[in-house]
């Protein structure tokens, strides 16, 4: 009899705990809501590529990347030029 009461009590506690956790999951963290708002900014179809929608910082990083690629290609060209006349 004691085991049966213990099993019922444990079952009741486990099911109550699961319901309480499910309700806590419905409450969203404020940072999550802020991130979702930022996602909405990137989903707008306004003709701007996604990698430039972040503003000035993205434009700067994009320009820096292009510049570094051009410098790298120039260095490769110089390397082959020097190797050809060695």
Foldseek 3Di string as FASTA:
>chain_A
DVVVVVVVVVVVVVVVVVVVVVVVVVDDDPVVVVVVVVVVQLPDPPPDDSQPSVDPVSVVVVVVVVVVVVVVVVVVVVVVVVVVVD
